Amino acid sequence: MDSSLGSPHSFYPGPHSSVGAMAELASLTRPDLEDLLACEDKLTEFVATLPQMAAARNQCDQLAAQNEAIAKASLERSNEYERSRDATIRKMEELNTLRTKFEEMTVAQQVASEKLAPGNIQESLLICAVQSEEESEKIAENFLQKRIDVDAFLGEYLEKRIETHLRRFKGERLGAQLQELHKAGF
């Protein structure tokens, strides 16, 4: 920007502009000066033809062009900002969805871990052994009350007793192994 035009934030041509206007006025004759004072249109025309006014108009045009360029750049950045903001919102929604899924899966994993913990497996084996034993006793009661014949009794009863003893054995064996691990510091 031309430094003779004054500050870029000002519409005034600069500190030496009044000297140039005075020189222009000094070059006029007295009747010309009186005409300027008497007729506002002539005064306006005279002021408009001063070089300082042309410089001020030029500076205004430059400032308007700069303002327009800044406005366009701001608008472009605004669009970029909107796109970035929308992308960030989508990513946050995706993050929240993934976080929720992760938390659900973590809870499911904890439930599965608890269910499959050796202590819980041992407990389940012993409970199932007790249930199998109760079922074998019902089979024996049904046989004693003559609700089932000998062949059916032997097949079902032996199967339940074997199941009961296997479950009890596995539960007790797992319990012993867990105690050994506990003693070893695990």
Foldseek 3Di string as FASTA:
>chain_A
DDVQQPDLVDLFRDDCLVVQVVVVVVVDDPVLVVVVVVDVVSVVVVVCPRVRNVSSVVSVVVSVVVVVVVVVVVVVVVVVVVVVVVVVVVVVVVVVVVVVVVVVVVVVVVVVCVCPPLVNLLVVLLVVLVVLVVVLVVLVVCVVVVVDDDVVNVVSNVVSNVSSVVSNVVSVVSVVVVVVVVVVPD
